[in-house]
């Protein structure tokens, strides 16, 4: 599935949306909640307008719906699995920690903090996937990944 055209298109749309969110990790259950938020916070993002935001969130939601339709059995299985099984199934699509070439006490502390954050983010993703729109849960997950990676980079830079 991860090599399918539908998946590639969806991930491109998802990551474009996440990039424009500029680190604003929001966990809303509906598109309407996002639209209410963007009305007050457009300048905290790199979206050029509310119209662009709505267009991109609609594209993210519709490409995910297409992906679910084409892979109905997999998504049914995901929706019925518990948190541990969910994470095992989606593991190939989860973020991985960047390679760190210089290790010392300071960088090890940075790595430990990052891994703790990554573990929490994976758990939150699993729980949110069950209760929220899956595309919105993934947008939250990847926004947090970006935030965690930036934090790791800053921490290591400070070492």
Foldseek 3Di string as FASTA:
>chain_A
DCPDPLNVQLVVLLVVLLQQLQLPQDQDQDPVVVLVVCVPVVVNGNDPDSVSNSVSVVSNLVSVVVVCVVVVVVVVVLLPDALVVNCVVCVVVADDADDDDDDDPQLVVLVVVLVVQLVVLSSQLSVSCNVHPNSSSVSSSVSSVVVSNVSSVVSVVVD
